[in-house]
Amino acid sequence: MAKPKFLLVFIILSICSLASYARVYQVELEIFRNNMPSLIHTESYAEPTSLPDFRKTKVLDEVENNISINEEQTGSKYPLFKTLPDVTKRLDLGEQFQELDRFTQIVSIAWNHPRNNSQEVYIASKPRYFGKIELNKNYFKKNVNLLNMRKLQGAVKLEIDRLMFLELDFIYDHEEFGVVQLKEKRRIKLNELNYFDHPLFGIVALISPID
């Protein structure tokens, strides 16, 4: 009976190893606001000392068909750094947010992230201003600050080696409390929900191996 037990242990370890050393991971974020800001008086939070620099972040593209993982794999079904449709998500809390008055969904997004790339990814809510920006108008200053254009924006960094770390740096322009920041780096595990908390908004993250 020792042989079947050994085989079972080997299979389990093989599956875990494949999950930990996948080439591509699906990253999902659900970002929501807390509609009960009175809690901020009972919870401590640090005011932002400096705003994130988004100039070197990777901006996600819209998903397309027949996108390759790299130049050697044309036609792969795993497009990288492109927003994925809702049907691909494992984490979709839209209906739950609609049923809860306490929370409002701000951003729901997913993308495929390669293992060997730790570049920061830029995530933001929809623009407040739609249309062409004309710098000669008094409404806009010469160097337009993106913070004036987005209610929420941030950078996501996924680092994968023997361990996996997720680093978030988000700023949220709250109508009552002004600009607040959620900044945290945390070791995470695959296929587990990770909750990053701020008194005014929160982020739920899920990382899954897909290839």
N, C-alpha and C. Protein backbone atom coordinates (compact mmCIF):
# COMPACT_ATOMS: atom_id res chain seq x y z
N MET A 1 0.82 -1.22 0.00
CA MET A 1 0.00 0.00 0.00
C MET A 1 0.85 1.26 0.00
N ALA A 2 2.15 1.11 0.22
CA ALA A 2 3.00 2.29 0.28
C ALA A 2 3.14 2.94 -1.09
N LYS A 3 3.08 2.10 -2.14
CA LYS A 3 3.29 2.62 -3.49
C LYS A 3 2.17 3.58 -3.91
N PRO A 4 0.86 3.22 -3.75
CA PRO A 4 -0.21 4.17 -4.10
C PRO A 4 -0.13 5.46 -3.31
N LYS A 5 0.24 5.40 -2.01
CA LYS A 5 0.36 6.61 -1.20
C LYS A 5 1.46 7.51 -1.74
N PHE A 6 2.59 6.88 -2.11
CA PHE A 6 3.71 7.65 -2.65
C PHE A 6 3.30 8.33 -3.95
N LEU A 7 2.54 7.59 -4.79
CA LEU A 7 2.09 8.14 -6.07
C LEU A 7 1.16 9.32 -5.84
N LEU A 8 0.26 9.21 -4.85
CA LEU A 8 -0.67 10.28 -4.55
C LEU A 8 0.08 11.53 -4.10
N VAL A 9 1.05 11.36 -3.22
CA VAL A 9 1.86 12.49 -2.74
C VAL A 9 2.61 13.14 -3.90
N PHE A 10 3.14 12.31 -4.79
CA PHE A 10 3.88 12.83 -5.95
C PHE A 10 2.98 13.67 -6.85
N ILE A 11 1.75 13.19 -7.08
CA ILE A 11 0.81 13.93 -7.93
C ILE A 11 0.45 15.27 -7.31
N ILE A 12 0.18 15.25 -6.00
CA ILE A 12 -0.19 16.50 -5.31
C ILE A 12 0.96 17.51 -5.38
N LEU A 13 2.19 17.03 -5.14
CA LEU A 13 3.35 17.92 -5.19
C LEU A 13 3.57 18.45 -6.60
N SER A 14 3.31 17.63 -7.59
CA SER A 14 3.48 18.05 -8.98
C SER A 14 2.50 19.15 -9.33
N ILE A 15 1.24 18.99 -8.89
CA ILE A 15 0.22 19.99 -9.17
C ILE A 15 0.58 21.30 -8.51
N CYS A 16 1.01 21.25 -7.25
CA CYS A 16 1.39 22.47 -6.52
C CYS A 16 2.57 23.15 -7.20
N SER A 17 3.53 22.33 -7.67
CA SER A 17 4.70 22.90 -8.33
C SER A 17 4.32 23.59 -9.62
N LEU A 18 3.42 22.97 -10.40
CA LEU A 18 2.98 23.58 -11.64
C LEU A 18 2.26 24.89 -11.38
N ALA A 19 1.45 24.93 -10.31
CA ALA A 19 0.72 26.14 -9.99
C ALA A 19 1.66 27.26 -9.59
N SER A 20 2.73 26.90 -8.84
CA SER A 20 3.65 27.92 -8.36
C SER A 20 4.59 28.41 -9.45
N TYR A 21 4.83 27.59 -10.46
CA TYR A 21 5.79 27.95 -11.50
C TYR A 21 5.11 28.06 -12.86
N ALA A 22 3.88 28.51 -12.87
CA ALA A 22 3.19 28.74 -14.14
C ALA A 22 3.85 29.89 -14.89
N ARG A 23 3.67 29.91 -16.19
CA ARG A 23 4.24 30.99 -17.00
C ARG A 23 3.35 32.22 -16.99
N VAL A 24 2.04 32.00 -16.85
CA VAL A 24 1.07 33.10 -16.93
C VAL A 24 0.10 33.00 -15.77
N TYR A 25 -0.24 34.14 -15.19
CA TYR A 25 -1.18 34.20 -14.08
C TYR A 25 -2.29 35.20 -14.42
N GLN A 26 -3.49 34.87 -14.01
CA GLN A 26 -4.60 35.81 -14.16
C GLN A 26 -4.73 36.62 -12.87
N VAL A 27 -4.66 37.93 -13.01
CA VAL A 27 -4.78 38.85 -11.88
C VAL A 27 -6.15 39.51 -11.94
N GLU A 28 -6.88 39.47 -10.83
CA GLU A 28 -8.20 40.07 -10.77
C GLU A 28 -8.29 41.02 -9.58
N LEU A 29 -8.87 42.19 -9.81
CA LEU A 29 -9.06 43.17 -8.75
C LEU A 29 -10.50 43.64 -8.73
N GLU A 30 -11.06 43.71 -7.54
CA GLU A 30 -12.36 44.35 -7.32
C GLU A 30 -12.11 45.49 -6.33
N ILE A 31 -12.35 46.71 -6.79
CA ILE A 31 -12.10 47.89 -5.96
C ILE A 31 -13.45 48.56 -5.67
N PHE A 32 -13.68 48.88 -4.42
CA PHE A 32 -14.98 49.41 -4.02
C PHE A 32 -14.80 50.49 -2.96
N ARG A 33 -15.77 51.38 -2.88
CA ARG A 33 -15.76 52.43 -1.88
C ARG A 33 -16.65 52.07 -0.71
N ASN A 34 -16.30 52.57 0.44
CA ASN A 34 -17.10 52.38 1.64
C ASN A 34 -18.07 53.54 1.74
N ASN A 35 -19.36 53.26 1.71
CA ASN A 35 -20.38 54.31 1.74
C ASN A 35 -20.73 54.76 3.16
N MET A 36 -19.96 54.30 4.13
CA MET A 36 -20.17 54.72 5.52
C MET A 36 -18.89 55.41 6.01
N PRO A 37 -18.60 56.61 5.50
CA PRO A 37 -17.34 57.27 5.86
C PRO A 37 -17.23 57.65 7.32
N SER A 38 -18.33 57.52 8.07
CA SER A 38 -18.25 57.81 9.51
C SER A 38 -17.27 56.89 10.21
N LEU A 39 -17.00 55.73 9.59
CA LEU A 39 -16.06 54.78 10.19
C LEU A 39 -14.64 55.32 10.21
N ILE A 40 -14.37 56.32 9.39
CA ILE A 40 -13.00 56.84 9.32
C ILE A 40 -12.60 57.48 10.65
N HIS A 41 -13.58 57.87 11.45
CA HIS A 41 -13.26 58.50 12.74
C HIS A 41 -12.88 57.45 13.79
N THR A 42 -13.19 56.20 13.51
CA THR A 42 -12.85 55.14 14.47
C THR A 42 -11.70 54.27 13.99
N GLU A 43 -11.27 54.46 12.73
CA GLU A 43 -10.17 53.69 12.19
C GLU A 43 -9.01 54.63 11.86
N SER A 44 -7.80 54.19 12.12
CA SER A 44 -6.63 55.00 11.85
C SER A 44 -6.12 54.75 10.43
N TYR A 45 -5.63 55.80 9.79
CA TYR A 45 -5.05 55.66 8.46
C TYR A 45 -4.03 56.78 8.28
N ALA A 46 -3.04 56.50 7.46
CA ALA A 46 -1.97 57.47 7.23
C ALA A 46 -2.32 58.35 6.04
N GLU A 47 -2.16 59.65 6.21
CA GLU A 47 -2.37 60.56 5.09
C GLU A 47 -1.21 60.42 4.11
N PRO A 48 -1.48 60.58 2.81
CA PRO A 48 -0.42 60.40 1.81
C PRO A 48 0.67 61.45 1.96
N THR A 49 1.91 61.00 1.97
CA THR A 49 3.04 61.91 2.05
C THR A 49 3.52 62.33 0.67
N SER A 50 3.29 61.48 -0.32
CA SER A 50 3.64 61.79 -1.71
C SER A 50 2.74 60.98 -2.62
N LEU A 51 2.45 61.51 -3.80
CA LEU A 51 1.59 60.81 -4.74
C LEU A 51 2.42 59.86 -5.60
N PRO A 52 1.85 58.72 -6.00
CA PRO A 52 2.59 57.76 -6.84
C PRO A 52 2.97 58.37 -8.18
N ASP A 53 4.05 57.88 -8.75
CA ASP A 53 4.50 58.29 -10.08
C ASP A 53 4.07 57.22 -11.07
N PHE A 54 3.11 57.54 -11.92
CA PHE A 54 2.55 56.55 -12.83
C PHE A 54 3.22 56.58 -14.21
N ARG A 55 4.25 57.37 -14.39
CA ARG A 55 4.82 57.56 -15.73
C ARG A 55 5.47 56.29 -16.28
N LYS A 56 5.95 55.41 -15.39
CA LYS A 56 6.63 54.19 -15.86
C LYS A 56 5.76 52.95 -15.73
N THR A 57 4.50 53.13 -15.45
CA THR A 57 3.61 51.98 -15.32
C THR A 57 3.13 51.49 -16.67
N LYS A 58 2.67 50.25 -16.69
CA LYS A 58 2.13 49.63 -17.90
C LYS A 58 0.63 49.85 -17.95
N VAL A 59 0.15 50.43 -19.03
CA VAL A 59 -1.29 50.66 -19.21
C VAL A 59 -1.88 49.47 -19.95
N LEU A 60 -2.93 48.89 -19.41
CA LEU A 60 -3.56 47.73 -20.03
C LEU A 60 -4.28 48.13 -21.31
N ASP A 61 -4.18 47.26 -22.31
CA ASP A 61 -4.91 47.46 -23.57
C ASP A 61 -6.22 46.70 -23.54
N GLU A 62 -7.09 47.00 -24.48
CA GLU A 62 -8.31 46.23 -24.64
C GLU A 62 -7.96 44.87 -25.21
N VAL A 63 -8.67 43.85 -24.77
CA VAL A 63 -8.38 42.50 -25.22
C VAL A 63 -8.70 42.35 -26.71
N GLU A 64 -7.87 41.56 -27.39
CA GLU A 64 -8.06 41.29 -28.81
C GLU A 64 -7.98 39.79 -29.05
N ASN A 65 -8.37 39.39 -30.25
CA ASN A 65 -8.31 37.97 -30.61
C ASN A 65 -6.93 37.63 -31.17
N ASN A 66 -6.55 36.36 -31.00
CA ASN A 66 -5.30 35.82 -31.57
C ASN A 66 -4.07 36.62 -31.13
N ILE A 67 -3.97 36.84 -29.83
CA ILE A 67 -2.81 37.53 -29.27
C ILE A 67 -1.86 36.47 -28.70
N SER A 68 -0.58 36.64 -28.90
CA SER A 68 0.38 35.64 -28.45
C SER A 68 0.96 36.01 -27.09
N ILE A 69 1.41 34.99 -26.35
CA ILE A 69 2.12 35.22 -25.09
C ILE A 69 3.45 35.91 -25.39
N ASN A 70 4.12 35.47 -26.40
CA ASN A 70 5.35 36.13 -26.84
C ASN A 70 5.51 35.87 -28.34
N GLU A 71 6.61 36.29 -28.89
CA GLU A 71 6.79 36.20 -30.34
C GLU A 71 6.85 34.76 -30.83
N GLU A 72 7.18 33.83 -29.93
CA GLU A 72 7.29 32.42 -30.36
C GLU A 72 5.95 31.69 -30.32
N GLN A 73 4.93 32.31 -29.77
CA GLN A 73 3.67 31.59 -29.59
C GLN A 73 2.51 32.37 -30.19
N THR A 74 2.54 32.54 -31.46
CA THR A 74 1.49 33.26 -32.16
C THR A 74 0.17 32.52 -32.04
N GLY A 75 -0.89 33.27 -31.77
CA GLY A 75 -2.21 32.66 -31.67
C GLY A 75 -2.53 32.09 -30.32
N SER A 76 -1.74 32.39 -29.30
CA SER A 76 -2.03 31.85 -27.97
C SER A 76 -3.35 32.39 -27.45
N LYS A 77 -4.00 31.63 -26.59
CA LYS A 77 -5.28 32.05 -26.02
C LYS A 77 -5.09 32.86 -24.75
N TYR A 78 -3.85 33.19 -24.43
CA TYR A 78 -3.58 33.95 -23.21
C TYR A 78 -2.99 35.32 -23.55
N PRO A 79 -3.80 36.30 -23.90
CA PRO A 79 -3.26 37.64 -24.18
C PRO A 79 -2.71 38.27 -22.91
N LEU A 80 -1.59 38.95 -23.02
CA LEU A 80 -0.93 39.53 -21.87
C LEU A 80 -1.20 41.03 -21.77
N PHE A 81 -1.34 41.51 -20.53
CA PHE A 81 -1.51 42.93 -20.25
C PHE A 81 -2.66 43.54 -21.05
N LYS A 82 -3.73 42.79 -21.15
CA LYS A 82 -4.94 43.28 -21.81
C LYS A 82 -6.14 42.97 -20.91
N THR A 83 -7.06 43.92 -20.82
CA THR A 83 -8.23 43.72 -19.97
C THR A 83 -9.05 42.55 -20.49
N LEU A 84 -9.44 41.67 -19.59
CA LEU A 84 -10.18 40.46 -19.97
C LEU A 84 -11.67 40.67 -19.79
N PRO A 85 -12.48 40.02 -20.60
CA PRO A 85 -13.94 40.13 -20.46
C PRO A 85 -14.43 39.49 -19.17
N ASP A 86 -15.63 39.86 -18.77
CA ASP A 86 -16.18 39.37 -17.50
C ASP A 86 -16.32 37.85 -17.45
N VAL A 87 -16.52 37.23 -18.61
CA VAL A 87 -16.74 35.78 -18.63
C VAL A 87 -15.51 35.01 -18.19
N THR A 88 -14.34 35.63 -18.23
CA THR A 88 -13.11 34.95 -17.83
C THR A 88 -12.83 35.10 -16.35
N LYS A 89 -13.57 35.93 -15.66
CA LYS A 89 -13.27 36.23 -14.25
C LYS A 89 -13.76 35.14 -13.31
N ARG A 90 -12.95 34.83 -12.34
CA ARG A 90 -13.38 33.97 -11.23
C ARG A 90 -13.93 34.82 -10.09
N LEU A 91 -13.44 36.04 -10.02
CA LEU A 91 -13.84 36.97 -8.96
C LEU A 91 -14.70 38.05 -9.58
N ASP A 92 -16.01 37.96 -9.37
CA ASP A 92 -16.94 38.95 -9.91
C ASP A 92 -17.96 39.27 -8.82
N LEU A 93 -17.77 40.40 -8.17
CA LEU A 93 -18.60 40.76 -7.02
C LEU A 93 -19.63 41.83 -7.36
N GLY A 94 -19.88 42.04 -8.65
CA GLY A 94 -20.79 43.09 -9.06
C GLY A 94 -22.18 42.97 -8.47
N GLU A 95 -22.74 41.77 -8.52
CA GLU A 95 -24.10 41.58 -7.98
C GLU A 95 -24.13 41.76 -6.47
N GLN A 96 -23.06 41.31 -5.79
CA GLN A 96 -23.02 41.46 -4.34
C GLN A 96 -22.97 42.93 -3.95
N PHE A 97 -22.22 43.74 -4.71
CA PHE A 97 -22.14 45.16 -4.40
C PHE A 97 -23.49 45.84 -4.61
N GLN A 98 -24.24 45.39 -5.61
CA GLN A 98 -25.55 45.98 -5.86
C GLN A 98 -26.52 45.71 -4.72
N GLU A 99 -26.35 44.58 -4.05
CA GLU A 99 -27.25 44.22 -2.97
C GLU A 99 -26.87 44.85 -1.63
N LEU A 100 -25.65 45.42 -1.55
CA LEU A 100 -25.18 46.01 -0.30
C LEU A 100 -25.11 47.52 -0.44
N ASP A 101 -25.84 48.23 0.41
CA ASP A 101 -25.80 49.69 0.37
C ASP A 101 -24.49 50.25 0.91
N ARG A 102 -23.80 49.46 1.69
CA ARG A 102 -22.59 49.96 2.34
C ARG A 102 -21.44 50.14 1.37
N PHE A 103 -21.40 49.35 0.28
CA PHE A 103 -20.28 49.40 -0.65
C PHE A 103 -20.75 49.71 -2.07
N THR A 104 -19.89 50.40 -2.82
CA THR A 104 -20.15 50.69 -4.23
C THR A 104 -18.92 50.30 -5.04
N GLN A 105 -19.13 49.51 -6.08
CA GLN A 105 -18.02 49.07 -6.92
C GLN A 105 -17.46 50.25 -7.70
N ILE A 106 -16.13 50.39 -7.69
CA ILE A 106 -15.45 51.44 -8.45
C ILE A 106 -14.81 50.87 -9.71
N VAL A 107 -14.04 49.79 -9.53
CA VAL A 107 -13.33 49.17 -10.65
C VAL A 107 -13.41 47.66 -10.50
N SER A 108 -13.67 46.97 -11.60
CA SER A 108 -13.59 45.52 -11.67
C SER A 108 -12.77 45.18 -12.91
N ILE A 109 -11.61 44.56 -12.70
CA ILE A 109 -10.70 44.37 -13.84
C ILE A 109 -9.90 43.09 -13.67
N ALA A 110 -9.52 42.51 -14.81
CA ALA A 110 -8.69 41.30 -14.82
C ALA A 110 -7.77 41.35 -16.02
N TRP A 111 -6.57 40.77 -15.85
CA TRP A 111 -5.63 40.68 -16.95
C TRP A 111 -4.70 39.50 -16.72
N ASN A 112 -4.02 39.08 -17.78
CA ASN A 112 -3.03 38.01 -17.69
C ASN A 112 -1.64 38.60 -17.54
N HIS A 113 -0.89 38.07 -16.57
CA HIS A 113 0.41 38.63 -16.22
C HIS A 113 1.47 37.54 -16.34
N PRO A 114 2.54 37.79 -17.11
CA PRO A 114 3.60 36.76 -17.24
C PRO A 114 4.45 36.68 -15.99
N ARG A 115 4.96 35.51 -15.75
CA ARG A 115 5.75 35.26 -14.55
C ARG A 115 7.01 36.11 -14.49
N ASN A 116 7.67 36.29 -15.62
CA ASN A 116 8.99 36.92 -15.63
C ASN A 116 8.92 38.43 -15.82
N ASN A 117 7.80 39.04 -15.50
CA ASN A 117 7.65 40.49 -15.68
C ASN A 117 7.05 41.08 -14.40
N SER A 118 7.80 41.98 -13.75
CA SER A 118 7.33 42.61 -12.52
C SER A 118 7.03 44.09 -12.71
N GLN A 119 6.76 44.47 -13.97
CA GLN A 119 6.44 45.87 -14.24
C GLN A 119 5.12 46.26 -13.57
N GLU A 120 5.06 47.47 -13.05
CA GLU A 120 3.85 47.96 -12.43
C GLU A 120 2.77 48.20 -13.47
N VAL A 121 1.54 47.85 -13.13
CA VAL A 121 0.40 48.01 -14.03
C VAL A 121 -0.48 49.14 -13.51
N TYR A 122 -0.88 50.03 -14.41
CA TYR A 122 -1.69 51.19 -14.05
C TYR A 122 -3.17 50.82 -14.09
N ILE A 123 -3.87 51.09 -12.99
CA ILE A 123 -5.30 50.82 -12.89
C ILE A 123 -6.01 52.11 -12.49
N ALA A 124 -7.12 52.42 -13.13
CA ALA A 124 -7.82 53.66 -12.80
C ALA A 124 -9.31 53.52 -13.09
N SER A 125 -10.09 54.37 -12.42
CA SER A 125 -11.52 54.44 -12.71
C SER A 125 -11.73 55.23 -14.00
N LYS A 126 -12.95 55.30 -14.43
CA LYS A 126 -13.26 56.01 -15.68
C LYS A 126 -12.97 57.50 -15.54
N PRO A 127 -12.62 58.16 -16.65
CA PRO A 127 -12.32 59.60 -16.59
C PRO A 127 -13.54 60.39 -16.14
N ARG A 128 -13.28 61.46 -15.42
CA ARG A 128 -14.37 62.36 -15.04
C ARG A 128 -14.73 63.28 -16.19
N TYR A 129 -13.74 63.53 -17.06
CA TYR A 129 -13.94 64.44 -18.18
C TYR A 129 -13.83 63.67 -19.47
N PHE A 130 -14.82 63.79 -20.32
CA PHE A 130 -14.81 63.10 -21.60
C PHE A 130 -14.68 64.14 -22.72
N GLY A 131 -13.85 63.85 -23.67
CA GLY A 131 -13.65 64.78 -24.77
C GLY A 131 -12.18 65.17 -24.87
N LYS A 132 -11.86 65.96 -25.85
CA LYS A 132 -10.49 66.38 -26.09
C LYS A 132 -10.09 67.48 -25.10
N ILE A 133 -8.93 67.33 -24.50
CA ILE A 133 -8.43 68.33 -23.57
C ILE A 133 -7.76 69.45 -24.34
N GLU A 134 -8.25 70.65 -24.18
CA GLU A 134 -7.66 71.81 -24.82
C GLU A 134 -6.91 72.61 -23.75
N LEU A 135 -5.60 72.64 -23.87
CA LEU A 135 -4.77 73.23 -22.82
C LEU A 135 -4.91 74.75 -22.76
N ASN A 136 -5.46 75.36 -23.80
CA ASN A 136 -5.58 76.81 -23.79
C ASN A 136 -6.80 77.28 -23.00
N LYS A 137 -7.63 76.37 -22.54
CA LYS A 137 -8.79 76.75 -21.74
C LYS A 137 -8.39 76.91 -20.28
N ASN A 138 -9.03 77.81 -19.60
CA ASN A 138 -8.69 78.09 -18.22
C ASN A 138 -8.98 76.92 -17.30
N TYR A 139 -9.88 76.02 -17.74
CA TYR A 139 -10.27 74.90 -16.88
C TYR A 139 -9.10 73.97 -16.62
N PHE A 140 -8.17 73.89 -17.59
CA PHE A 140 -7.03 73.00 -17.45
C PHE A 140 -5.74 73.79 -17.33
N LYS A 141 -4.87 73.32 -16.46
CA LYS A 141 -3.55 73.92 -16.36
C LYS A 141 -2.65 73.35 -17.46
N LYS A 142 -1.48 73.92 -17.61
CA LYS A 142 -0.58 73.52 -18.68
C LYS A 142 -0.21 72.06 -18.59
N ASN A 143 0.20 71.62 -17.40
CA ASN A 143 0.52 70.20 -17.21
C ASN A 143 -0.61 69.57 -16.40
N VAL A 144 -1.52 68.94 -17.10
CA VAL A 144 -2.72 68.39 -16.49
C VAL A 144 -2.36 67.24 -15.55
N ASN A 145 -2.82 67.32 -14.33
CA ASN A 145 -2.59 66.26 -13.35
C ASN A 145 -3.64 65.19 -13.54
N LEU A 146 -3.20 63.92 -13.71
CA LEU A 146 -4.16 62.84 -13.91
C LEU A 146 -5.13 62.71 -12.75
N LEU A 147 -4.72 63.17 -11.58
CA LEU A 147 -5.59 63.08 -10.43
C LEU A 147 -6.87 63.88 -10.65
N ASN A 148 -6.80 64.94 -11.48
CA ASN A 148 -7.98 65.73 -11.79
C ASN A 148 -8.91 65.00 -12.75
N MET A 149 -8.40 63.95 -13.39
CA MET A 149 -9.17 63.26 -14.41
C MET A 149 -9.78 61.95 -13.92
N ARG A 150 -9.27 61.40 -12.84
CA ARG A 150 -9.72 60.11 -12.35
C ARG A 150 -10.09 60.20 -10.88
N LYS A 151 -11.15 59.51 -10.52
CA LYS A 151 -11.53 59.45 -9.11
C LYS A 151 -10.58 58.55 -8.32
N LEU A 152 -10.16 57.47 -8.96
CA LEU A 152 -9.25 56.51 -8.34
C LEU A 152 -8.21 56.08 -9.35
N GLN A 153 -6.98 55.95 -8.91
CA GLN A 153 -5.93 55.42 -9.78
C GLN A 153 -4.82 54.83 -8.91
N GLY A 154 -4.11 53.88 -9.50
CA GLY A 154 -3.07 53.23 -8.72
C GLY A 154 -2.19 52.35 -9.57
N ALA A 155 -1.18 51.79 -8.92
CA ALA A 155 -0.22 50.90 -9.56
C ALA A 155 -0.23 49.55 -8.85
N VAL A 156 -0.15 48.48 -9.65
CA VAL A 156 -0.14 47.12 -9.13
C VAL A 156 1.14 46.44 -9.58
N LYS A 157 1.89 45.88 -8.63
CA LYS A 157 3.14 45.20 -8.96
C LYS A 157 3.09 43.77 -8.44
N LEU A 158 3.27 42.83 -9.35
CA LEU A 158 3.27 41.41 -9.00
C LEU A 158 4.69 40.88 -9.15
N GLU A 159 5.26 40.39 -8.05
CA GLU A 159 6.60 39.83 -8.06
C GLU A 159 6.51 38.33 -7.77
N ILE A 160 7.10 37.54 -8.66
CA ILE A 160 7.01 36.09 -8.55
C ILE A 160 8.39 35.48 -8.62
N ASP A 161 8.76 34.78 -7.57
CA ASP A 161 9.99 33.98 -7.55
C ASP A 161 9.62 32.68 -6.85
N ARG A 162 10.32 32.33 -5.80
CA ARG A 162 9.87 31.19 -5.00
C ARG A 162 8.62 31.57 -4.21
N LEU A 163 8.53 32.84 -3.86
CA LEU A 163 7.35 33.37 -3.20
C LEU A 163 6.69 34.40 -4.11
N MET A 164 5.46 34.73 -3.81
CA MET A 164 4.71 35.68 -4.61
C MET A 164 4.31 36.87 -3.74
N PHE A 165 4.60 38.07 -4.26
CA PHE A 165 4.26 39.29 -3.54
C PHE A 165 3.41 40.19 -4.43
N LEU A 166 2.43 40.82 -3.82
CA LEU A 166 1.57 41.77 -4.52
C LEU A 166 1.71 43.12 -3.82
N GLU A 167 2.07 44.14 -4.59
CA GLU A 167 2.25 45.48 -4.04
C GLU A 167 1.25 46.42 -4.70
N LEU A 168 0.48 47.12 -3.89
CA LEU A 168 -0.53 48.06 -4.36
C LEU A 168 -0.21 49.46 -3.87
N ASP A 169 -0.42 50.44 -4.73
CA ASP A 169 -0.26 51.85 -4.35
C ASP A 169 -1.37 52.63 -5.05
N PHE A 170 -2.45 52.91 -4.32
CA PHE A 170 -3.63 53.55 -4.89
C PHE A 170 -3.95 54.86 -4.18
N ILE A 171 -4.43 55.82 -4.94
CA ILE A 171 -4.93 57.07 -4.37
C ILE A 171 -6.39 57.23 -4.79
N TYR A 172 -7.17 57.75 -3.87
CA TYR A 172 -8.61 57.90 -4.08
C TYR A 172 -9.01 59.31 -3.65
N ASP A 173 -9.62 60.02 -4.57
CA ASP A 173 -10.03 61.40 -4.32
C ASP A 173 -11.46 61.39 -3.77
N HIS A 174 -11.56 61.40 -2.44
CA HIS A 174 -12.86 61.32 -1.78
C HIS A 174 -13.48 62.71 -1.70
N GLU A 175 -14.78 62.79 -1.96
CA GLU A 175 -15.44 64.09 -2.02
C GLU A 175 -15.49 64.79 -0.67
N GLU A 176 -15.37 64.04 0.42
CA GLU A 176 -15.43 64.65 1.75
C GLU A 176 -14.07 64.75 2.42
N PHE A 177 -13.24 63.72 2.27
CA PHE A 177 -11.98 63.66 2.99
C PHE A 177 -10.77 63.96 2.12
N GLY A 178 -10.99 64.27 0.86
CA GLY A 178 -9.87 64.60 -0.01
C GLY A 178 -9.11 63.37 -0.50
N VAL A 179 -7.84 63.56 -0.84
CA VAL A 179 -7.03 62.47 -1.40
C VAL A 179 -6.51 61.58 -0.28
N VAL A 180 -6.83 60.30 -0.38
CA VAL A 180 -6.34 59.31 0.58
C VAL A 180 -5.57 58.24 -0.20
N GLN A 181 -4.77 57.48 0.51
CA GLN A 181 -3.88 56.52 -0.14
C GLN A 181 -3.94 55.16 0.54
N LEU A 182 -3.92 54.12 -0.28
CA LEU A 182 -3.77 52.74 0.21
C LEU A 182 -2.50 52.20 -0.41
N LYS A 183 -1.51 51.93 0.43
CA LYS A 183 -0.21 51.45 -0.05
C LYS A 183 0.22 50.28 0.81
N GLU A 184 0.42 49.14 0.18
CA GLU A 184 0.78 47.94 0.95
C GLU A 184 1.43 46.91 0.04
N LYS A 185 2.41 46.21 0.58
CA LYS A 185 3.04 45.08 -0.09
C LYS A 185 2.86 43.86 0.79
N ARG A 186 2.42 42.77 0.18
CA ARG A 186 2.05 41.61 0.97
C ARG A 186 2.40 40.32 0.23
N ARG A 187 2.86 39.33 0.98
CA ARG A 187 3.02 38.00 0.40
C ARG A 187 1.64 37.36 0.26
N ILE A 188 1.39 36.78 -0.91
CA ILE A 188 0.08 36.20 -1.17
C ILE A 188 0.23 34.76 -1.64
N LYS A 189 -0.88 34.05 -1.63
CA LYS A 189 -0.94 32.69 -2.12
C LYS A 189 -1.89 32.61 -3.29
N LEU A 190 -1.62 31.65 -4.16
CA LEU A 190 -2.46 31.46 -5.34
C LEU A 190 -3.86 31.00 -4.95
N ASN A 191 -4.84 31.44 -5.73
CA ASN A 191 -6.23 30.99 -5.60
C ASN A 191 -6.85 31.34 -4.25
N GLU A 192 -6.30 32.35 -3.58
CA GLU A 192 -6.86 32.81 -2.32
C GLU A 192 -7.24 34.28 -2.43
N LEU A 193 -8.37 34.65 -1.80
CA LEU A 193 -8.78 36.04 -1.79
C LEU A 193 -7.88 36.84 -0.85
N ASN A 194 -7.44 37.98 -1.33
CA ASN A 194 -6.60 38.87 -0.53
C ASN A 194 -7.30 40.22 -0.43
N TYR A 195 -7.52 40.68 0.80
CA TYR A 195 -8.26 41.90 1.03
C TYR A 195 -7.32 42.99 1.55
N PHE A 196 -7.27 44.11 0.84
CA PHE A 196 -6.48 45.27 1.23
C PHE A 196 -7.46 46.36 1.66
N ASP A 197 -7.29 46.83 2.89
CA ASP A 197 -8.34 47.64 3.51
C ASP A 197 -7.89 49.07 3.76
N HIS A 198 -8.83 49.99 3.55
CA HIS A 198 -8.72 51.39 3.93
C HIS A 198 -10.09 51.80 4.45
N PRO A 199 -10.18 52.72 5.40
CA PRO A 199 -11.50 53.10 5.91
C PRO A 199 -12.47 53.61 4.84
N LEU A 200 -11.94 54.16 3.73
CA LEU A 200 -12.82 54.74 2.71
C LEU A 200 -12.99 53.88 1.47
N PHE A 201 -12.04 52.97 1.22
CA PHE A 201 -12.19 52.07 0.07
C PHE A 201 -11.36 50.81 0.31
N GLY A 202 -11.64 49.78 -0.46
CA GLY A 202 -10.95 48.52 -0.28
C GLY A 202 -10.70 47.83 -1.61
N ILE A 203 -9.80 46.85 -1.60
CA ILE A 203 -9.43 46.11 -2.81
C ILE A 203 -9.39 44.62 -2.48
N VAL A 204 -10.09 43.83 -3.28
CA VAL A 204 -10.01 42.38 -3.19
C VAL A 204 -9.23 41.88 -4.41
N ALA A 205 -8.20 41.07 -4.17
CA ALA A 205 -7.35 40.59 -5.25
C ALA A 205 -7.35 39.06 -5.27
N LEU A 206 -7.29 38.50 -6.47
CA LEU A 206 -7.21 37.06 -6.66
C LEU A 206 -6.21 36.78 -7.77
N ILE A 207 -5.23 35.92 -7.49
CA ILE A 207 -4.20 35.53 -8.48
C ILE A 207 -4.35 34.04 -8.75
N SER A 208 -4.49 33.68 -10.02
CA SER A 208 -4.68 32.28 -10.39
C SER A 208 -3.71 31.88 -11.49
N PRO A 209 -3.09 30.70 -11.40
CA PRO A 209 -2.24 30.22 -12.50
C PRO A 209 -3.11 29.71 -13.64
N ILE A 210 -2.74 30.07 -14.87
CA ILE A 210 -3.54 29.60 -16.01
C ILE A 210 -2.71 28.87 -17.05
N ASP A 211 -1.38 28.94 -16.97
CA ASP A 211 -0.57 28.23 -17.98
C ASP A 211 0.79 27.93 -17.40
